[in-house]
Amino acid sequence: MGEQVLQKCELSVEGIKEDVRALRVVSPAYAGKDGELTSVLQYVFQAIVLSENGMRELSRDIMRIASDEMRHLQLVGGAIVRLGAPPVFTACPPYPVSYYSASCVNYVRGAREMVDADICSERNAISSYLRMLDRLDEPALSALIKGICEEEEEHLALLEHWAGKL
């Protein structure tokens, strides 16, 4: 299932122009409490724990999602640069306040609990990206956010598949 679900579409920051209002809308997706950086760290943590507990197939799928989230982090960071701020790990670049903390990562240890937490995180991400789309006017940025949201929906489908197996 993992190979079929996680197909990559071409996402790009090309065409995104400086826009302070859009920067404020998109910034939380980068290093906010529920942003891409949290997702990357949470999925890597889980992949390690699951692999060491003999759940290699689930670990592999979780690591594939982590890889997508890392690409999302890079893309949102690139969008932040084009919108006019450095991609510092804060919830509100360019301001050096509210620096990122790994305390946002959900450190549950059971496989079922991990998948349940991930399902919740993906649903929150999808909802957040959809709210962003309602507030964005710039076509290139909207296309990027829409593409990321679609990939989050693919992650959700894979995680729901795993929830049915655990």
N, C-alpha and C. Protein backbone atom coordinates (compact mmCIF):
# COMPACT_ATOMS: atom_id res chain seq x y z
N MET A 1 0.83 -1.20 0.00
CA MET A 1 0.00 0.00 0.00
C MET A 1 0.87 1.25 0.00
N GLY A 2 1.93 1.29 0.80
CA GLY A 2 2.78 2.46 0.92
C GLY A 2 3.33 2.94 -0.41
N GLU A 3 3.77 2.02 -1.25
CA GLU A 3 4.35 2.40 -2.54
C GLU A 3 3.30 3.08 -3.42
N GLN A 4 2.06 2.57 -3.39
CA GLN A 4 1.01 3.12 -4.24
C GLN A 4 0.51 4.46 -3.72
N VAL A 5 0.39 4.61 -2.42
CA VAL A 5 -0.22 5.80 -1.85
C VAL A 5 0.70 7.01 -1.95
N LEU A 6 1.99 6.82 -1.69
CA LEU A 6 2.89 7.96 -1.58
C LEU A 6 3.55 8.31 -2.91
N GLN A 7 2.73 8.65 -3.89
CA GLN A 7 3.26 9.08 -5.17
C GLN A 7 3.46 10.59 -5.13
N LYS A 8 4.60 11.04 -5.61
CA LYS A 8 4.95 12.45 -5.52
C LYS A 8 4.44 13.22 -6.72
N CYS A 9 3.86 14.37 -6.45
CA CYS A 9 3.54 15.30 -7.53
C CYS A 9 4.61 16.38 -7.52
N GLU A 10 4.69 17.11 -8.58
CA GLU A 10 5.68 18.17 -8.68
C GLU A 10 5.22 19.38 -7.89
N LEU A 11 5.91 19.67 -6.82
CA LEU A 11 5.60 20.85 -6.01
C LEU A 11 6.78 21.81 -6.14
N SER A 12 6.47 23.10 -6.22
CA SER A 12 7.52 24.08 -6.46
C SER A 12 7.20 25.40 -5.79
N VAL A 13 8.25 26.13 -5.46
CA VAL A 13 8.10 27.48 -4.93
C VAL A 13 8.25 28.54 -6.03
N GLU A 14 8.45 28.09 -7.26
CA GLU A 14 8.60 29.02 -8.39
C GLU A 14 7.37 29.92 -8.49
N GLY A 15 7.62 31.18 -8.73
CA GLY A 15 6.54 32.14 -8.93
C GLY A 15 6.01 32.78 -7.66
N ILE A 16 6.46 32.31 -6.49
CA ILE A 16 6.02 32.91 -5.24
C ILE A 16 6.80 34.21 -5.05
N LYS A 17 6.07 35.28 -4.75
CA LYS A 17 6.68 36.60 -4.60
C LYS A 17 6.51 37.12 -3.17
N GLU A 18 7.31 38.10 -2.84
CA GLU A 18 7.27 38.69 -1.49
C GLU A 18 5.86 39.15 -1.14
N ASP A 19 5.42 38.75 0.07
CA ASP A 19 4.06 39.06 0.50
C ASP A 19 3.98 38.83 2.01
N VAL A 20 3.99 39.91 2.76
CA VAL A 20 4.02 39.82 4.23
C VAL A 20 2.75 39.17 4.78
N ARG A 21 1.61 39.48 4.19
CA ARG A 21 0.36 38.90 4.67
C ARG A 21 0.36 37.38 4.48
N ALA A 22 0.77 36.94 3.31
CA ALA A 22 0.83 35.50 3.03
C ALA A 22 1.87 34.83 3.92
N LEU A 23 2.95 35.53 4.21
CA LEU A 23 3.99 35.00 5.11
C LEU A 23 3.38 34.65 6.47
N ARG A 24 2.57 35.55 6.99
CA ARG A 24 1.94 35.31 8.29
C ARG A 24 0.98 34.12 8.24
N VAL A 25 0.33 33.93 7.11
CA VAL A 25 -0.61 32.82 6.95
C VAL A 25 0.13 31.48 6.93
N VAL A 26 1.23 31.43 6.21
CA VAL A 26 1.93 30.16 5.93
C VAL A 26 2.94 29.78 7.02
N SER A 27 3.51 30.75 7.70
CA SER A 27 4.60 30.49 8.65
C SER A 27 4.35 29.37 9.66
N PRO A 28 3.18 29.26 10.26
CA PRO A 28 2.98 28.19 11.25
C PRO A 28 3.17 26.78 10.68
N ALA A 29 3.00 26.63 9.37
CA ALA A 29 3.18 25.31 8.76
C ALA A 29 4.64 24.88 8.73
N TYR A 30 5.54 25.82 8.95
CA TYR A 30 6.97 25.53 8.90
C TYR A 30 7.45 24.96 10.22
N ALA A 31 7.50 25.79 11.24
CA ALA A 31 8.03 25.33 12.53
C ALA A 31 7.09 25.67 13.68
N GLY A 32 5.82 25.76 13.39
CA GLY A 32 4.84 25.94 14.44
C GLY A 32 4.62 24.63 15.19
N LYS A 33 3.88 24.69 16.24
CA LYS A 33 3.61 23.53 17.09
C LYS A 33 3.14 22.31 16.29
N ASP A 34 2.28 22.54 15.32
CA ASP A 34 1.75 21.45 14.50
C ASP A 34 2.30 21.47 13.08
N GLY A 35 3.45 22.11 12.88
CA GLY A 35 4.01 22.28 11.55
C GLY A 35 4.81 21.10 11.04
N GLU A 36 5.41 21.31 9.90
CA GLU A 36 6.17 20.26 9.22
C GLU A 36 7.37 19.78 10.03
N LEU A 37 8.05 20.68 10.72
CA LEU A 37 9.20 20.25 11.51
C LEU A 37 8.78 19.26 12.60
N THR A 38 7.68 19.53 13.25
CA THR A 38 7.17 18.59 14.26
C THR A 38 6.86 17.25 13.62
N SER A 39 6.23 17.28 12.45
CA SER A 39 5.90 16.03 11.76
C SER A 39 7.15 15.22 11.44
N VAL A 40 8.16 15.89 10.91
CA VAL A 40 9.41 15.19 10.57
C VAL A 40 9.98 14.50 11.81
N LEU A 41 10.11 15.25 12.89
CA LEU A 41 10.72 14.69 14.10
C LEU A 41 9.88 13.56 14.69
N GLN A 42 8.57 13.73 14.69
CA GLN A 42 7.69 12.70 15.24
C GLN A 42 7.78 11.41 14.43
N TYR A 43 7.74 11.53 13.11
CA TYR A 43 7.81 10.33 12.27
C TYR A 43 9.17 9.64 12.36
N VAL A 44 10.24 10.39 12.43
CA VAL A 44 11.56 9.76 12.57
C VAL A 44 11.66 9.03 13.91
N PHE A 45 11.22 9.67 14.99
CA PHE A 45 11.19 9.02 16.30
C PHE A 45 10.43 7.70 16.21
N GLN A 46 9.24 7.75 15.61
CA GLN A 46 8.41 6.55 15.51
C GLN A 46 9.05 5.47 14.66
N ALA A 47 9.65 5.85 13.54
CA ALA A 47 10.28 4.85 12.67
C ALA A 47 11.40 4.12 13.40
N ILE A 48 12.15 4.84 14.19
CA ILE A 48 13.23 4.20 14.96
C ILE A 48 12.65 3.24 15.98
N VAL A 49 11.70 3.69 16.77
CA VAL A 49 11.11 2.86 17.82
C VAL A 49 10.44 1.63 17.21
N LEU A 50 9.67 1.83 16.16
CA LEU A 50 8.98 0.70 15.53
C LEU A 50 9.96 -0.31 14.94
N SER A 51 11.00 0.16 14.29
CA SER A 51 12.00 -0.74 13.72
C SER A 51 12.66 -1.56 14.81
N GLU A 52 13.01 -0.92 15.91
CA GLU A 52 13.68 -1.62 17.01
C GLU A 52 12.75 -2.58 17.73
N ASN A 53 11.44 -2.40 17.54
CA ASN A 53 10.45 -3.31 18.14
C ASN A 53 9.94 -4.34 17.15
N GLY A 54 10.65 -4.49 16.02
CA GLY A 54 10.32 -5.54 15.06
C GLY A 54 9.18 -5.22 14.11
N MET A 55 8.71 -3.99 14.10
CA MET A 55 7.60 -3.61 13.20
C MET A 55 8.18 -2.90 11.98
N ARG A 56 8.98 -3.64 11.22
CA ARG A 56 9.75 -3.05 10.14
C ARG A 56 8.90 -2.50 8.99
N GLU A 57 7.81 -3.17 8.66
CA GLU A 57 6.97 -2.70 7.55
C GLU A 57 6.30 -1.36 7.92
N LEU A 58 5.75 -1.27 9.11
CA LEU A 58 5.16 -0.01 9.55
C LEU A 58 6.24 1.06 9.67
N SER A 59 7.40 0.69 10.20
CA SER A 59 8.51 1.64 10.32
C SER A 59 8.89 2.18 8.94
N ARG A 60 8.94 1.32 7.95
CA ARG A 60 9.29 1.74 6.59
C ARG A 60 8.27 2.74 6.04
N ASP A 61 6.98 2.46 6.24
CA ASP A 61 5.94 3.37 5.75
C ASP A 61 5.98 4.70 6.50
N ILE A 62 6.21 4.64 7.79
CA ILE A 62 6.32 5.88 8.59
C ILE A 62 7.52 6.70 8.11
N MET A 63 8.63 6.03 7.80
CA MET A 63 9.81 6.75 7.33
C MET A 63 9.56 7.37 5.95
N ARG A 64 8.77 6.72 5.11
CA ARG A 64 8.41 7.31 3.82
C ARG A 64 7.60 8.59 4.02
N ILE A 65 6.69 8.55 5.00
CA ILE A 65 5.92 9.75 5.30
C ILE A 65 6.87 10.83 5.83
N ALA A 66 7.80 10.44 6.70
CA ALA A 66 8.78 11.41 7.23
C ALA A 66 9.55 12.07 6.09
N SER A 67 9.90 11.30 5.09
CA SER A 67 10.62 11.83 3.94
C SER A 67 9.78 12.87 3.20
N ASP A 68 8.49 12.58 3.02
CA ASP A 68 7.59 13.55 2.41
C ASP A 68 7.50 14.82 3.25
N GLU A 69 7.40 14.63 4.56
CA GLU A 69 7.28 15.78 5.46
C GLU A 69 8.55 16.63 5.42
N MET A 70 9.70 15.97 5.27
CA MET A 70 10.96 16.71 5.15
C MET A 70 10.97 17.54 3.87
N ARG A 71 10.44 16.98 2.81
CA ARG A 71 10.33 17.73 1.55
C ARG A 71 9.35 18.89 1.73
N HIS A 72 8.24 18.65 2.44
CA HIS A 72 7.29 19.74 2.72
C HIS A 72 7.98 20.85 3.52
N LEU A 73 8.78 20.46 4.51
CA LEU A 73 9.51 21.43 5.32
C LEU A 73 10.40 22.30 4.43
N GLN A 74 11.11 21.65 3.52
CA GLN A 74 11.98 22.40 2.60
C GLN A 74 11.16 23.32 1.71
N LEU A 75 10.05 22.84 1.20
CA LEU A 75 9.21 23.66 0.32
C LEU A 75 8.59 24.85 1.06
N VAL A 76 8.06 24.61 2.25
CA VAL A 76 7.48 25.71 3.02
C VAL A 76 8.58 26.70 3.40
N GLY A 77 9.75 26.19 3.77
CA GLY A 77 10.88 27.08 4.06
C GLY A 77 11.27 27.90 2.85
N GLY A 78 11.30 27.29 1.67
CA GLY A 78 11.59 28.02 0.45
C GLY A 78 10.53 29.07 0.16
N ALA A 79 9.27 28.73 0.42
CA ALA A 79 8.19 29.71 0.24
C ALA A 79 8.37 30.88 1.19
N ILE A 80 8.78 30.60 2.42
CA ILE A 80 9.00 31.66 3.41
C ILE A 80 10.09 32.62 2.91
N VAL A 81 11.16 32.07 2.37
CA VAL A 81 12.23 32.92 1.82
C VAL A 81 11.68 33.80 0.71
N ARG A 82 10.93 33.21 -0.20
CA ARG A 82 10.38 33.98 -1.32
C ARG A 82 9.35 35.01 -0.85
N LEU A 83 8.66 34.70 0.24
CA LEU A 83 7.68 35.64 0.79
C LEU A 83 8.35 36.79 1.53
N GLY A 84 9.65 36.63 1.84
CA GLY A 84 10.39 37.76 2.38
C GLY A 84 11.02 37.58 3.75
N ALA A 85 11.18 36.34 4.22
CA ALA A 85 11.77 36.14 5.55
C ALA A 85 12.76 34.97 5.51
N PRO A 86 13.73 34.97 6.42
CA PRO A 86 14.62 33.81 6.51
C PRO A 86 13.86 32.65 7.16
N PRO A 87 14.19 31.43 6.80
CA PRO A 87 13.46 30.28 7.33
C PRO A 87 13.98 29.81 8.69
N VAL A 88 13.99 30.72 9.66
CA VAL A 88 14.42 30.35 11.01
C VAL A 88 13.35 29.48 11.66
N PHE A 89 13.77 28.64 12.57
CA PHE A 89 12.83 27.70 13.19
C PHE A 89 12.05 28.36 14.32
N THR A 90 11.13 29.21 13.91
CA THR A 90 10.18 29.84 14.83
C THR A 90 8.80 29.71 14.20
N ALA A 91 7.79 29.92 15.01
CA ALA A 91 6.43 29.87 14.49
C ALA A 91 6.10 31.11 13.68
N CYS A 92 6.91 32.14 13.80
CA CYS A 92 6.59 33.40 13.11
C CYS A 92 7.84 34.07 12.54
N PRO A 93 8.50 33.41 11.55
CA PRO A 93 9.64 34.07 10.92
C PRO A 93 9.23 35.42 10.36
N PRO A 94 10.06 36.41 10.38
CA PRO A 94 11.49 36.42 10.67
C PRO A 94 11.81 36.73 12.13
N TYR A 95 10.80 36.80 12.96
CA TYR A 95 11.02 37.24 14.34
C TYR A 95 11.66 36.15 15.19
N PRO A 96 12.72 36.48 15.90
CA PRO A 96 13.42 35.48 16.73
C PRO A 96 12.71 35.27 18.07
N VAL A 97 11.44 34.94 17.99
CA VAL A 97 10.66 34.64 19.19
C VAL A 97 9.99 33.29 18.99
N SER A 98 9.60 32.69 20.07
CA SER A 98 8.89 31.42 20.00
C SER A 98 9.68 30.40 19.17
N TYR A 99 10.96 30.25 19.51
CA TYR A 99 11.78 29.27 18.80
C TYR A 99 11.18 27.88 18.95
N TYR A 100 11.41 27.06 17.96
CA TYR A 100 10.87 25.71 17.94
C TYR A 100 11.37 24.90 19.13
N SER A 101 10.49 24.06 19.66
CA SER A 101 10.85 23.13 20.72
C SER A 101 10.36 21.73 20.34
N ALA A 102 11.22 20.75 20.50
CA ALA A 102 10.83 19.37 20.21
C ALA A 102 9.83 18.82 21.23
N SER A 103 9.47 19.63 22.21
CA SER A 103 8.45 19.20 23.15
C SER A 103 7.08 19.07 22.46
N CYS A 104 6.98 19.60 21.24
CA CYS A 104 5.74 19.49 20.48
C CYS A 104 5.53 18.09 19.90
N VAL A 105 6.59 17.30 19.83
CA VAL A 105 6.52 15.94 19.29
C VAL A 105 5.73 15.06 20.25
N ASN A 106 4.87 14.23 19.69
CA ASN A 106 4.12 13.26 20.50
C ASN A 106 4.98 12.01 20.63
N TYR A 107 5.41 11.72 21.85
CA TYR A 107 6.35 10.62 22.09
C TYR A 107 5.68 9.34 22.58
N VAL A 108 4.45 9.07 22.19
CA VAL A 108 3.80 7.82 22.57
C VAL A 108 4.62 6.66 22.01
N ARG A 109 4.51 5.50 22.65
CA ARG A 109 5.40 4.39 22.26
C ARG A 109 4.72 3.19 21.64
N GLY A 110 3.46 2.96 21.89
CA GLY A 110 2.79 1.82 21.29
C GLY A 110 2.47 2.08 19.82
N ALA A 111 2.54 1.05 18.99
CA ALA A 111 2.30 1.20 17.55
C ALA A 111 0.91 1.78 17.29
N ARG A 112 -0.09 1.26 17.95
CA ARG A 112 -1.46 1.75 17.73
C ARG A 112 -1.58 3.21 18.17
N GLU A 113 -0.97 3.53 19.29
CA GLU A 113 -1.01 4.90 19.79
C GLU A 113 -0.29 5.85 18.84
N MET A 114 0.83 5.38 18.28
CA MET A 114 1.56 6.19 17.31
C MET A 114 0.70 6.49 16.09
N VAL A 115 0.10 5.44 15.54
CA VAL A 115 -0.72 5.62 14.34
C VAL A 115 -1.91 6.51 14.65
N ASP A 116 -2.53 6.33 15.81
CA ASP A 116 -3.65 7.20 16.19
C ASP A 116 -3.21 8.66 16.30
N ALA A 117 -2.05 8.89 16.91
CA ALA A 117 -1.52 10.26 17.02
C ALA A 117 -1.22 10.83 15.64
N ASP A 118 -0.69 10.00 14.76
CA ASP A 118 -0.36 10.45 13.41
C ASP A 118 -1.62 10.78 12.61
N ILE A 119 -2.64 9.97 12.77
CA ILE A 119 -3.92 10.25 12.09
C ILE A 119 -4.45 11.61 12.55
N CYS A 120 -4.40 11.84 13.83
CA CYS A 120 -4.84 13.13 14.38
C CYS A 120 -3.99 14.27 13.81
N SER A 121 -2.68 14.08 13.77
CA SER A 121 -1.78 15.11 13.24
C SER A 121 -2.04 15.39 11.77
N GLU A 122 -2.25 14.35 10.99
CA GLU A 122 -2.51 14.55 9.56
C GLU A 122 -3.85 15.24 9.34
N ARG A 123 -4.85 14.88 10.11
CA ARG A 123 -6.15 15.57 10.00
C ARG A 123 -5.99 17.05 10.35
N ASN A 124 -5.23 17.33 11.40
CA ASN A 124 -4.99 18.73 11.78
C ASN A 124 -4.24 19.48 10.68
N ALA A 125 -3.24 18.82 10.09
CA ALA A 125 -2.47 19.45 9.02
C ALA A 125 -3.37 19.76 7.82
N ILE A 126 -4.19 18.81 7.44
CA ILE A 126 -5.10 19.01 6.30
C ILE A 126 -6.03 20.19 6.59
N SER A 127 -6.60 20.19 7.77
CA SER A 127 -7.50 21.28 8.15
C SER A 127 -6.78 22.63 8.13
N SER A 128 -5.56 22.65 8.65
CA SER A 128 -4.77 23.87 8.67
C SER A 128 -4.45 24.36 7.26
N TYR A 129 -4.04 23.44 6.39
CA TYR A 129 -3.73 23.82 5.01
C TYR A 129 -4.98 24.31 4.27
N LEU A 130 -6.12 23.70 4.53
CA LEU A 130 -7.36 24.16 3.89
C LEU A 130 -7.73 25.56 4.36
N ARG A 131 -7.54 25.84 5.64
CA ARG A 131 -7.79 27.19 6.15
C ARG A 131 -6.84 28.20 5.50
N MET A 132 -5.58 27.78 5.33
CA MET A 132 -4.62 28.66 4.64
C MET A 132 -5.10 28.99 3.24
N LEU A 133 -5.54 27.97 2.52
CA LEU A 133 -5.99 28.18 1.14
C LEU A 133 -7.12 29.20 1.07
N ASP A 134 -7.99 29.20 2.07
CA ASP A 134 -9.08 30.18 2.11
C ASP A 134 -8.57 31.60 2.27
N ARG A 135 -7.38 31.76 2.81
CA ARG A 135 -6.83 33.09 3.11
C ARG A 135 -5.79 33.55 2.10
N LEU A 136 -5.42 32.70 1.15
CA LEU A 136 -4.36 33.05 0.19
C LEU A 136 -4.95 33.46 -1.15
N ASP A 137 -4.32 34.46 -1.76
CA ASP A 137 -4.75 34.94 -3.07
C ASP A 137 -3.74 34.61 -4.16
N GLU A 138 -2.49 34.42 -3.77
CA GLU A 138 -1.39 34.26 -4.72
C GLU A 138 -1.43 32.86 -5.34
N PRO A 139 -1.58 32.73 -6.66
CA PRO A 139 -1.76 31.42 -7.30
C PRO A 139 -0.61 30.44 -7.08
N ALA A 140 0.64 30.87 -7.18
CA ALA A 140 1.77 29.94 -7.03
C ALA A 140 1.83 29.40 -5.61
N LEU A 141 1.62 30.25 -4.62
CA LEU A 141 1.63 29.80 -3.23
C LEU A 141 0.43 28.90 -2.95
N SER A 142 -0.72 29.26 -3.47
CA SER A 142 -1.91 28.42 -3.30
C SER A 142 -1.70 27.04 -3.91
N ALA A 143 -1.08 26.98 -5.07
CA ALA A 143 -0.81 25.69 -5.73
C ALA A 143 0.11 24.84 -4.87
N LEU A 144 1.12 25.45 -4.28
CA LEU A 144 2.03 24.72 -3.41
C LEU A 144 1.28 24.17 -2.20
N ILE A 145 0.52 25.00 -1.54
CA ILE A 145 -0.21 24.57 -0.34
C ILE A 145 -1.23 23.49 -0.70
N LYS A 146 -1.90 23.63 -1.81
CA LYS A 146 -2.87 22.62 -2.26
C LYS A 146 -2.16 21.28 -2.50
N GLY A 147 -1.00 21.32 -3.14
CA GLY A 147 -0.26 20.09 -3.40
C GLY A 147 0.21 19.42 -2.11
N ILE A 148 0.69 20.20 -1.18
CA ILE A 148 1.10 19.65 0.11
C ILE A 148 -0.10 19.03 0.81
N CYS A 149 -1.23 19.71 0.79
CA CYS A 149 -2.44 19.21 1.42
C CYS A 149 -2.86 17.86 0.81
N GLU A 150 -2.76 17.75 -0.49
CA GLU A 150 -3.10 16.49 -1.16
C GLU A 150 -2.18 15.36 -0.71
N GLU A 151 -0.90 15.66 -0.53
CA GLU A 151 0.02 14.64 -0.03
C GLU A 151 -0.31 14.26 1.42
N GLU A 152 -0.73 15.24 2.22
CA GLU A 152 -1.13 14.94 3.60
C GLU A 152 -2.35 14.01 3.59
N GLU A 153 -3.25 14.19 2.63
CA GLU A 153 -4.41 13.30 2.51
C GLU A 153 -3.97 11.88 2.17
N GLU A 154 -2.92 11.74 1.35
CA GLU A 154 -2.37 10.42 1.04
C GLU A 154 -1.77 9.78 2.29
N HIS A 155 -1.08 10.59 3.10
CA HIS A 155 -0.52 10.07 4.35
C HIS A 155 -1.65 9.58 5.25
N LEU A 156 -2.71 10.36 5.34
CA LEU A 156 -3.85 9.99 6.18
C LEU A 156 -4.42 8.64 5.73
N ALA A 157 -4.58 8.46 4.43
CA ALA A 157 -5.11 7.20 3.92
C ALA A 157 -4.22 6.03 4.30
N LEU A 158 -2.91 6.20 4.18
CA LEU A 158 -1.98 5.13 4.54
C LEU A 158 -2.06 4.83 6.04
N LEU A 159 -2.12 5.86 6.85
CA LEU A 159 -2.20 5.66 8.30
C LEU A 159 -3.52 5.00 8.70
N GLU A 160 -4.60 5.38 8.05
CA GLU A 160 -5.89 4.74 8.33
C GLU A 160 -5.86 3.27 7.92
N HIS A 161 -5.15 2.97 6.85
CA HIS A 161 -4.95 1.57 6.44
C HIS A 161 -4.24 0.81 7.57
N TRP A 162 -3.18 1.42 8.10
CA TRP A 162 -2.44 0.78 9.21
C TRP A 162 -3.30 0.66 10.46
N ALA A 163 -4.11 1.65 10.74
CA ALA A 163 -4.98 1.58 11.92
C ALA A 163 -5.91 0.38 11.83
N GLY A 164 -6.34 0.06 10.62
CA GLY A 164 -7.20 -1.11 10.43
C GLY A 164 -6.47 -2.44 10.60
N LYS A 165 -5.15 -2.42 10.52
CA LYS A 165 -4.35 -3.64 10.66
C LYS A 165 -3.83 -3.88 12.07
N LEU A 166 -3.82 -2.83 12.90
CA LEU A 166 -3.23 -2.96 14.23
C LEU A 166 -4.26 -3.38 15.27
